[in-house]
C-alpha cells in the first residue's frame, strides 16, 4: 500500500489544507503515516507570506526528497512561483485538486486500491479548483472520510484539536500582502457543511475545533434564508453536544463586531483572540493600507475585554516596513512591552512580488534584523507574563499528547501546559499551574471538566 505523509509551512489555513489532503489520501485507500521516514509520497503545503516562509517551504520539500521519496508541493508558495520547487523528486500539484491527486496516486499504485476511493471532485470545494490554486479548496473532504482519517491516527493534533477551514480568499488591499493574490476572492463553506465537518471531527474524538480562514471574519456561508455570518457559525457550533471548546484562528480588527462578541461569550469558546496589529504607528498602518488606526485597534481591544473579560490577546507584528522610521518602531515596541498581548508573532518585512509595497525602497538589512530581535525579545517577555499570570490559578486545559511523562495541552487562554495526573487525549481537564517553563507552565490535574 502506498504510504503518504503530509507536512505544511505557515498558518492554520495551510495546516487545514494539509489535513484535507491527507484525508483525501485515506479515503482513496492510501495509508497516511505520521513519520516522513515511513512514507512513499510526501505532500507539502507551502507558504509565501514572507521570503523566509518560501525558503522554509523549499528546504522542507528538498529535505523530504533526499531519500528518494516522491514529494508533491501545493499551497501558496507553489502557486506564487512554481519554478522555485524545481528539484529531483519534487513536483508541483498545479490545478489538480486533492481528490484528483488521491485518485491518481491510487491508480498508480494498482487496481487493488481502486475500491470506491476518493473521486475527483469528492471534496467540498469552493471555486472548484485545486488546493494551491487561486480557488483553493475550502472545507476539505467528502462526508465521512475526514473522520475515517482521524480515526486512523493521522497525527495527535488531528485527534484532539481539529483545524476546520471554513473560508478562503481575501478582497483586502494591504500593500505588503501577496497571500490575497494567490488565494483569490473570498468564498465560504456553507453553514450546514461546516457544521457537518465539525460533527465528524468531534465524533472521531477531537475535543477542540479551531475555525480558520484567510479572512475568517469575512465568512458568509450559504444557509437557509440567506448568508450566515461568522457569529451564526459560532452559535451553530457551540450547540454541538460533543464540543469541548471552540477557538478562532485569527480575525481582523474591523470584523470584531458586537454580534460576534456576543457569540464568543459562550462558555465553550476559548478566551483567546488573535487580532493582527502589524504596526503601532498610524503612518505605517496607512502605508500598509490597514483599515484602522492604533486608537481604533485599541478601542476594539477594549470592547473585547469588556465583553469577554480576561481574554488573552495575541497578534502579528511586521517590523522593518520600508516607511517605518525609528520613532514608528519605538511606538510599536511600546505596545508590545505593555500588558496588551500574551503572544506576539514577529515578522521581519520582506518585499513580496506583485505587491504595492515591493516598489518602496527597503530599509537596510541590519536595521530590519535589529528591530526583529528587539521585537522578538518583547514578544518572549509578553508570553512569559501571560504564563506567570496563570500560576496558582485553576484553568481548563485540553489534553493533546503525552511527552516525556507529562500530558501537554493548551488552556482556554492559549497558555501551554505540561501536566501530571490522570488524563486522556482529547479530554478537557481542570489544572493548576505550579511553575514556569520555557514554553509555558507546568502543573497538575485537579479534575475532569464537564
Protein backbone atom coordinates (compact mmCIF):
# COMPACT_ATOMS: atom_id res chain seq x y z
CA UNK A 1 0.00 0.00 0.00
CA UNK A 2 1.27 3.49 -0.86
CA UNK A 3 2.10 5.37 2.33
CA UNK A 4 1.53 9.15 2.40
CA UNK A 5 2.85 11.79 4.78
CA UNK A 6 1.61 15.40 4.83
CA UNK A 7 3.55 18.41 6.11
CA UNK A 8 2.95 22.14 5.97
CA UNK A 9 4.63 25.50 6.38
CA UNK A 10 2.70 28.55 7.54
CA UNK A 11 -0.66 29.35 9.06
CA UNK A 12 -3.72 27.44 10.26
CA UNK A 13 -5.15 27.52 6.73
CA UNK A 14 -2.03 25.80 5.44
CA UNK A 15 -2.41 23.24 8.23
CA UNK A 16 -6.07 22.70 7.33
CA UNK A 17 -5.19 22.24 3.65
CA UNK A 18 -2.55 19.70 4.66
CA UNK A 19 -5.02 17.75 6.78
CA UNK A 20 -7.60 17.88 3.97
CA UNK A 21 -5.04 16.41 1.58
CA UNK A 22 -4.25 13.54 3.93
CA UNK A 23 -7.93 12.89 4.47
CA UNK A 24 -8.45 12.51 0.73
CA UNK A 25 -5.49 10.16 0.51
CA UNK A 26 -7.00 7.96 3.24
CA UNK A 27 -10.39 8.00 1.51
CA UNK A 28 -8.72 6.75 -1.67
CA UNK A 29 -7.25 3.76 0.15
CA UNK A 30 -3.74 5.14 0.62
CA UNK A 31 -2.11 4.79 4.04
CA UNK A 32 -1.47 8.01 5.99
CA UNK A 33 1.69 7.93 8.12
CA UNK A 34 2.88 10.42 10.73
CA UNK A 35 6.61 9.92 10.13
CA UNK A 36 8.03 11.07 6.81
CA UNK A 37 10.67 8.33 7.02
CA UNK A 38 7.90 5.76 6.58
CA UNK A 39 6.33 7.46 3.55
CA UNK A 40 6.47 6.68 -0.15
CA UNK A 41 4.88 10.04 -1.03
CA UNK A 42 5.10 13.32 0.89
CA UNK A 43 2.67 16.20 0.34
CA UNK A 44 3.98 19.63 1.34
CA UNK A 45 1.58 22.57 1.69
CA UNK A 46 3.70 25.69 1.26
CA UNK A 47 3.62 29.32 2.41
CA UNK A 48 4.63 32.61 0.78
CA UNK A 49 3.73 35.17 3.45
CA UNK A 50 7.43 36.14 3.67
CA UNK A 51 10.60 35.32 1.77
CA UNK A 52 11.67 33.23 4.77
CA UNK A 53 8.45 31.20 4.56
CA UNK A 54 9.22 30.46 0.92
CA UNK A 55 12.75 29.38 1.85
CA UNK A 56 11.39 27.08 4.57
CA UNK A 57 8.96 25.60 2.06
CA UNK A 58 11.74 24.89 -0.44
CA UNK A 59 14.02 23.41 2.21
CA UNK A 60 11.29 21.15 3.53
CA UNK A 61 10.38 19.83 0.08
CA UNK A 62 14.02 19.17 -0.83
CA UNK A 63 14.82 17.55 2.51
CA UNK A 64 11.89 15.17 2.18
CA UNK A 65 13.00 14.27 -1.36
CA UNK A 66 16.58 13.41 -0.34
CA UNK A 67 15.98 9.71 0.32
CA UNK A 68 14.22 9.10 -2.96
CA UNK A 69 10.73 9.91 -1.77
CA UNK A 70 8.26 11.45 -4.16
CA UNK A 71 7.30 14.95 -2.98
CA UNK A 72 4.25 16.86 -4.19
CA UNK A 73 4.04 20.54 -3.29
CA UNK A 74 0.90 22.69 -3.19
CA UNK A 75 -0.27 25.83 -1.44
CA UNK A 76 0.62 29.49 -1.60
CA UNK A 77 4.35 29.42 -2.47
CA UNK A 78 3.79 26.76 -5.12
CA UNK A 79 1.07 28.90 -6.67
CA UNK A 80 3.12 32.10 -6.47
CA UNK A 81 6.30 30.72 -8.04
CA UNK A 82 6.14 27.08 -9.03
CA UNK A 83 9.61 27.19 -10.64
CA UNK A 84 11.32 27.61 -7.26
CA UNK A 85 10.44 24.00 -6.44
CA UNK A 86 12.26 22.50 -9.43
CA UNK A 87 14.30 19.73 -7.82
CA UNK A 88 14.76 15.98 -8.39
CA UNK A 89 11.80 14.11 -6.91
CA UNK A 90 9.69 17.25 -6.35
CA UNK A 91 6.59 18.05 -8.41
CA UNK A 92 4.01 20.85 -8.17
CA UNK A 93 0.35 19.93 -7.79
CA UNK A 94 -0.82 22.64 -10.18
CA UNK A 95 -4.56 22.81 -10.89
CA UNK A 96 -5.25 19.28 -9.71
CA UNK A 97 -7.38 19.03 -6.56
CA UNK A 98 -6.75 16.78 -3.58
CA UNK A 99 -9.43 14.34 -4.70
CA UNK A 100 -7.99 14.04 -8.20
CA UNK A 101 -4.47 13.64 -6.81
CA UNK A 102 -5.67 10.90 -4.45
CA UNK A 103 -7.37 9.08 -7.32
CA UNK A 104 -4.22 9.38 -9.45
CA UNK A 105 -1.94 8.07 -6.71
CA UNK A 106 -4.35 5.20 -6.08
CA UNK A 107 -4.43 4.38 -9.79
CA UNK A 108 -0.64 4.45 -9.97
CA UNK A 109 -0.49 2.06 -7.00
CA UNK A 110 -2.57 -0.51 -8.86
CA UNK A 111 -6.13 -1.82 -9.10
CA UNK A 112 -6.13 -3.11 -5.51
CA UNK A 113 -6.68 0.41 -4.23
CA UNK A 114 -9.44 1.39 -6.61
CA UNK A 115 -12.36 0.35 -4.46
CA UNK A 116 -14.64 3.34 -4.43
CA UNK A 117 -11.73 5.62 -3.40
CA UNK A 118 -11.92 9.39 -3.43
CA UNK A 119 -13.38 10.56 -6.67
CA UNK A 120 -12.06 13.76 -8.13
CA UNK A 121 -14.47 16.43 -7.01
CA UNK A 122 -15.48 14.43 -3.92
CA UNK A 123 -14.17 17.20 -1.75
CA UNK A 124 -16.36 20.06 -0.68
CA UNK A 125 -14.74 22.74 -2.77
CA UNK A 126 -15.38 26.43 -3.20
CA UNK A 127 -14.41 27.57 -6.66
CA UNK A 128 -13.89 24.02 -7.87
CA UNK A 129 -10.13 24.27 -8.36
CA UNK A 130 -7.09 22.60 -6.88
CA UNK A 131 -5.67 23.31 -3.48
CA UNK A 132 -2.74 25.58 -4.14
CA UNK A 133 -4.51 27.36 -6.97
CA UNK A 134 -6.25 30.73 -6.74
CA UNK A 135 -9.52 28.99 -5.85
CA UNK A 136 -8.14 26.61 -3.26
CA UNK A 137 -10.38 24.02 -1.64
CA UNK A 138 -12.42 25.09 1.35
CA UNK A 139 -13.85 22.51 3.67
CA UNK A 140 -11.66 19.54 2.95
CA UNK A 141 -13.09 16.10 2.34
CA UNK A 142 -16.14 14.11 1.45
CA UNK A 143 -18.61 13.19 4.17
CA UNK A 144 -17.22 10.51 6.47
CA UNK A 145 -13.69 10.47 5.07
CA UNK A 146 -12.30 13.08 7.47
CA UNK A 147 -13.48 11.11 10.48
CA UNK A 148 -12.04 7.92 8.99
CA UNK A 149 -8.64 9.55 8.53
CA UNK A 150 -8.64 10.96 12.05
CA UNK A 151 -9.54 7.56 13.50
CA UNK A 152 -6.59 6.06 11.62
CA UNK A 153 -4.33 8.21 13.83
CA UNK A 154 -3.26 10.92 11.41
CA UNK A 155 -1.30 12.89 13.98
CA UNK A 156 -2.09 13.52 17.63
CA UNK A 157 -3.22 17.07 16.98
CA UNK A 158 -5.73 15.89 14.38
CA UNK A 159 -7.34 13.67 17.03
CA UNK A 160 -7.59 16.35 19.71
CA UNK A 161 -7.63 19.81 18.13
CA UNK A 162 -9.11 19.94 14.64
CA UNK A 163 -8.48 22.89 12.33
CA UNK A 164 -11.66 23.49 10.35
CA UNK A 165 -11.18 25.69 7.30
CA UNK A 166 -14.44 27.48 6.56
CA UNK A 167 -13.27 30.41 4.45
CA UNK A 168 -10.66 31.19 1.81
CA UNK A 169 -9.55 34.23 -0.17
CA UNK A 170 -9.43 37.94 0.65
CA UNK A 171 -10.60 41.13 -1.03
CA UNK A 172 -8.42 43.37 1.16
CA UNK A 173 -5.80 45.73 -0.20
CA UNK A 174 -2.89 45.50 2.25
CA UNK A 175 0.14 46.83 0.38
CA UNK A 176 2.55 44.15 1.65
CA UNK A 177 0.38 41.02 1.30
CA UNK A 178 0.83 38.51 -1.52
CA UNK A 179 -1.40 35.84 0.02
CA UNK A 180 -4.54 37.60 -1.19
CA UNK A 181 -3.12 37.49 -4.73
CA UNK A 182 -2.60 33.72 -4.72
CA UNK A 183 -5.75 32.84 -2.76
CA UNK A 184 -8.21 34.84 -4.84
CA UNK A 185 -11.62 36.24 -3.95
CA UNK A 186 -13.38 35.38 -0.67
CA UNK A 187 -15.54 32.27 -0.56
CA UNK A 188 -17.03 30.30 2.31
CA UNK A 189 -18.18 26.81 3.20
CA UNK A 190 -21.98 26.56 3.51
CA UNK A 191 -23.14 26.64 7.13
CA UNK A 192 -24.55 23.10 7.08
CA UNK A 193 -21.37 21.67 5.54
CA UNK A 194 -19.18 23.38 8.14
CA UNK A 195 -21.33 22.05 10.98
CA UNK A 196 -21.28 18.55 9.46
CA UNK A 197 -17.48 18.63 9.18
CA UNK A 198 -17.18 19.73 12.81
CA UNK A 199 -19.57 16.98 13.88
CA UNK A 200 -17.42 14.37 12.09
CA UNK A 201 -14.26 15.59 13.80
CA UNK A 202 -15.93 15.54 17.21
CA UNK A 203 -17.29 12.04 16.61
CA UNK A 204 -13.71 10.94 15.86
CA UNK A 205 -12.54 12.15 19.26
CA UNK A 206 -11.48 15.77 18.72
CA UNK A 207 -12.00 17.98 21.74
CA UNK A 208 -11.42 21.41 20.19
CA UNK A 209 -12.43 22.89 16.86
CA UNK A 210 -10.28 25.75 15.53
CA UNK A 211 -12.03 27.83 12.87
CA UNK A 212 -9.63 29.02 10.19
CA UNK A 213 -9.72 31.13 7.05
CA UNK A 214 -7.57 33.55 5.11
CA UNK A 215 -10.00 36.31 6.16
CA UNK A 216 -12.11 34.45 8.71
CA UNK A 217 -14.25 37.42 9.68
CA UNK A 218 -15.44 37.66 6.07
CA UNK A 219 -17.17 34.28 6.42
CA UNK A 220 -20.53 34.31 4.64
CA UNK A 221 -21.70 30.73 4.39
CA UNK A 222 -24.75 29.75 2.40
CA UNK A 223 -27.64 28.99 4.73
CA UNK A 224 -31.42 28.76 4.70
CA UNK A 225 -32.77 32.26 4.37
CA UNK A 226 -29.53 33.83 3.15
CA UNK A 227 -25.88 34.01 4.13
CA UNK A 228 -24.68 33.05 7.60
CA UNK A 229 -22.14 35.24 9.37
CA UNK A 230 -19.22 34.07 11.48
CA UNK A 231 -21.35 34.79 14.56
CA UNK A 232 -24.05 32.48 13.16
CA UNK A 233 -21.47 29.76 12.59
CA UNK A 234 -20.09 30.10 16.12
CA UNK A 235 -23.61 29.82 17.55
CA UNK A 236 -24.28 26.69 15.48
CA UNK A 237 -21.03 25.01 16.52
CA UNK A 238 -21.27 25.68 20.26
CA UNK A 239 -24.62 23.89 20.17
CA UNK A 240 -22.93 20.60 19.18
CA UNK A 241 -23.13 18.36 22.26
CA UNK A 242 -19.68 16.76 21.88
CA UNK A 243 -17.82 20.08 21.53
CA UNK A 244 -15.50 20.84 24.41
CA UNK A 245 -14.03 24.07 23.06
CA UNK A 246 -14.20 26.32 20.02
CA UNK A 247 -11.39 28.69 19.05
CA UNK A 248 -10.86 31.23 16.26
CA UNK A 249 -7.52 31.16 14.48
CA UNK A 250 -7.25 34.86 13.55
CA UNK A 251 -9.63 37.72 12.90
CA UNK A 252 -9.13 41.24 11.58
CA UNK A 253 -9.97 44.16 13.93
CA UNK A 254 -12.77 45.51 11.74
CA UNK A 255 -14.58 42.16 11.89
CA UNK A 256 -14.84 42.12 15.69
CA UNK A 257 -18.41 43.37 15.92
CA UNK A 258 -20.95 43.21 18.73
CA UNK A 259 -22.79 40.21 17.23
CA UNK A 260 -19.58 38.20 17.06
CA UNK A 261 -18.53 39.18 20.58
CA UNK A 262 -21.95 38.08 21.86
CA UNK A 263 -21.45 34.68 20.21
CA UNK A 264 -17.88 34.39 21.52
CA UNK A 265 -19.08 34.98 25.08
CA UNK A 266 -20.41 31.40 25.15
CA UNK A 267 -18.54 29.36 27.80
CA UNK A 268 -17.44 26.77 25.21
CA UNK A 269 -15.49 29.40 23.28
CA UNK A 270 -11.82 29.90 24.17
CA UNK A 271 -10.98 33.13 25.94
CA UNK A 272 -8.34 33.98 23.38
CA UNK A 273 -8.43 36.05 20.21
CA UNK A 274 -5.68 36.58 17.67
CA UNK A 275 -6.15 40.08 16.22
CA UNK A 276 -3.35 41.26 13.88
CA UNK A 277 -2.00 44.75 14.62
CA UNK A 278 1.03 44.83 12.25
CA UNK A 279 2.30 48.22 13.47
CA UNK A 280 1.86 50.57 16.40
CA UNK A 281 2.28 53.66 14.20
CA UNK A 282 -0.57 55.28 12.28
CA UNK A 283 1.59 56.45 9.37
CA UNK A 284 2.97 52.95 8.87
CA UNK A 285 -0.52 51.46 9.09
CA UNK A 286 -1.65 53.89 6.40
CA UNK A 287 1.28 52.92 4.17
CA UNK A 288 0.42 49.28 4.77
CA UNK A 289 -3.19 50.10 3.75
CA UNK A 290 -4.52 48.70 7.00
CA UNK A 291 -8.10 49.94 7.54
CA UNK A 292 -7.71 51.23 11.11
CA UNK A 293 -5.63 53.49 13.32
CA UNK A 294 -3.89 52.49 16.54
CA UNK A 295 -6.65 54.20 18.52
CA UNK A 296 -9.32 52.24 16.65
CA UNK A 297 -7.43 49.00 17.27
CA UNK A 298 -7.21 49.76 20.99
CA UNK A 299 -10.93 50.54 21.03
CA UNK A 300 -11.55 47.08 19.60
CA UNK A 301 -9.38 45.58 22.34
CA UNK A 302 -11.38 47.49 24.95
CA UNK A 303 -14.65 46.09 23.57
CA UNK A 304 -13.20 42.56 23.63
CA UNK A 305 -12.12 42.94 27.24
CA UNK A 306 -15.45 44.46 28.23
CA UNK A 307 -17.40 41.57 26.71
CA UNK A 308 -15.06 38.61 27.25
CA UNK A 309 -13.36 39.60 30.49
CA UNK A 310 -9.79 38.35 30.90
CA UNK A 311 -9.43 37.19 27.32
CA UNK A 312 -5.84 36.71 26.19
CA UNK A 313 -4.93 38.57 23.02
CA UNK A 314 -2.27 37.56 20.55
CA UNK A 315 -1.20 39.48 17.48
CA UNK A 316 1.05 39.79 14.43
CA UNK A 317 3.67 42.50 14.02
CA UNK A 318 5.67 43.39 10.91
CA UNK A 319 8.95 45.15 11.65
CA UNK A 320 11.16 46.87 9.12
CA UNK A 321 8.42 48.01 6.76
CA UNK A 322 10.02 50.46 4.28
CA UNK A 323 8.29 53.54 5.76
CA UNK A 324 8.95 52.58 9.39
CA UNK A 325 11.39 55.06 10.95
CA UNK A 326 12.93 54.66 14.39
CA UNK A 327 10.16 56.61 16.14
CA UNK A 328 7.50 54.45 14.47
CA UNK A 329 9.25 51.30 15.56
CA UNK A 330 9.55 52.58 19.13
CA UNK A 331 5.78 53.15 19.19
CA UNK A 332 5.24 49.56 18.12
CA UNK A 333 7.74 48.28 20.67
CA UNK A 334 6.00 50.25 23.44
CA UNK A 335 2.73 48.43 22.71
CA UNK A 336 4.48 45.08 22.87
CA UNK A 337 6.05 45.98 26.21
CA UNK A 338 2.66 46.86 27.67
CA UNK A 339 0.33 44.17 29.07
CA UNK A 340 -1.76 44.25 25.91
CA UNK A 341 -0.72 40.92 24.39
CA UNK A 342 0.07 37.46 25.71
CA UNK A 343 1.59 36.22 22.44
CA UNK A 344 3.17 38.11 19.55
CA UNK A 345 4.25 36.73 16.19
CA UNK A 346 7.03 38.93 14.84
CA UNK A 347 7.68 39.05 11.09
CA UNK A 348 10.64 40.81 9.52
CA UNK A 349 9.33 42.59 6.44
CA UNK A 350 10.36 41.22 3.08
CA UNK A 351 9.14 42.55 -0.25
CA UNK A 352 6.60 40.24 -1.88
CA UNK A 353 6.32 40.10 -5.67
CA UNK A 354 3.30 41.82 -7.16
CA UNK A 355 2.51 43.93 -4.09
CA UNK A 356 2.45 47.72 -3.93
CA UNK A 357 5.00 47.84 -1.08
CA UNK A 358 7.54 45.99 -3.20
CA UNK A 359 8.12 49.24 -5.12
CA UNK A 360 9.26 51.04 -1.94
CA UNK A 361 12.93 51.38 -1.04
CA UNK A 362 13.72 48.76 1.61
CA UNK A 363 15.37 49.56 4.89
CA UNK A 364 18.96 48.36 5.42
CA UNK A 365 19.01 44.66 6.30
CA UNK A 366 20.89 45.25 9.55
CA UNK A 367 18.17 47.67 10.69
CA UNK A 368 15.44 45.13 10.00
CA UNK A 369 17.38 42.41 11.82
CA UNK A 370 17.94 44.63 14.86
CA UNK A 371 14.27 45.59 15.07
CA UNK A 372 13.19 41.97 14.66
CA UNK A 373 15.49 40.98 17.52
CA UNK A 374 14.15 43.73 19.79
CA UNK A 375 10.54 42.91 18.96
CA UNK A 376 11.25 39.22 19.44
CA UNK A 377 12.60 39.86 22.92
CA UNK A 378 9.48 41.86 23.78
CA UNK A 379 7.31 39.03 22.42
CA UNK A 380 9.06 36.46 24.60
CA UNK A 381 8.62 38.70 27.65
CA UNK A 382 4.91 39.08 26.86
CA UNK A 383 4.46 35.31 26.60
CA UNK A 384 6.24 34.83 29.91
CA UNK A 385 3.98 37.42 31.57
CA UNK A 386 0.91 35.57 30.29
CA UNK A 387 2.28 32.29 31.63
CA UNK A 388 3.13 33.86 35.01
CA UNK A 389 -0.45 35.15 35.28
CA UNK A 390 -1.63 31.52 35.15
CA UNK A 391 0.39 30.39 38.19
CA UNK A 392 -1.72 29.13 41.08
CA UNK A 393 -4.97 29.50 39.15
CA UNK A 394 -7.31 26.75 38.00
CA UNK A 395 -7.66 26.55 34.23
CA UNK A 396 -9.39 24.32 31.71
CA UNK A 397 -6.76 22.56 29.59
CA UNK A 398 -7.41 20.44 26.52
CA UNK A 399 -5.11 17.41 26.75
CA UNK A 400 -3.40 16.78 23.41
CA UNK A 401 -0.47 14.42 23.88
CA UNK A 402 1.86 12.77 26.34
CA UNK A 403 5.52 13.67 26.08
CA UNK A 404 8.40 12.92 28.48
CA UNK A 405 6.00 11.56 31.06
CA UNK A 406 3.73 14.64 31.10
CA UNK A 407 0.43 15.49 29.46
CA UNK A 408 0.62 18.54 27.23
CA UNK A 409 -2.09 20.88 26.02
CA UNK A 410 -3.36 24.45 25.92
CA UNK A 411 -5.64 26.39 28.22
CA UNK A 412 -8.56 28.47 27.06
CA UNK A 413 -6.19 31.47 27.23
CA UNK A 414 -3.71 29.69 24.92
CA UNK A 415 -1.07 29.06 27.54
CA UNK A 416 0.80 25.78 27.03
CA UNK A 417 0.62 23.36 29.99
CA UNK A 418 2.71 20.31 30.93
CA UNK A 419 0.75 18.29 33.47
CA UNK A 420 0.97 15.42 35.95
CA UNK A 421 -2.12 13.36 36.65
CA UNK A 422 -4.62 11.01 35.02
CA UNK A 423 -6.00 12.10 31.64
CA UNK A 424 -6.77 11.01 28.09
CA UNK A 425 -6.03 12.76 24.77
CA UNK A 426 -8.94 14.98 23.76
CA UNK A 427 -10.12 15.35 27.34
CA UNK A 428 -10.79 18.73 28.93
CA UNK A 429 -9.32 18.83 32.44
CA UNK A 430 -9.03 21.29 35.28
CA UNK A 431 -5.39 22.04 36.04
CA UNK A 432 -3.37 24.28 38.33
CA UNK A 433 -0.08 25.77 37.14
CA UNK A 434 2.76 25.40 39.64
CA UNK A 435 5.83 26.73 37.86
CA UNK A 436 7.03 28.47 34.74
CA UNK A 437 8.62 26.61 31.86
CA UNK A 438 10.39 27.98 28.79
CA UNK A 439 7.30 27.35 26.63
CA UNK A 440 4.55 27.89 29.20
CA UNK A 441 3.80 26.37 32.60
CA UNK A 442 3.96 23.04 34.42
CA UNK A 443 1.30 21.92 36.82
CA UNK A 444 -1.06 19.18 37.93
CA UNK A 445 -4.52 17.96 37.02
CA UNK A 446 -7.18 18.52 39.70
CA UNK A 447 -10.26 17.18 37.92
CA UNK A 448 -12.16 16.50 34.71
CA UNK A 449 -14.03 19.41 33.19
CA UNK A 450 -17.69 18.96 32.28
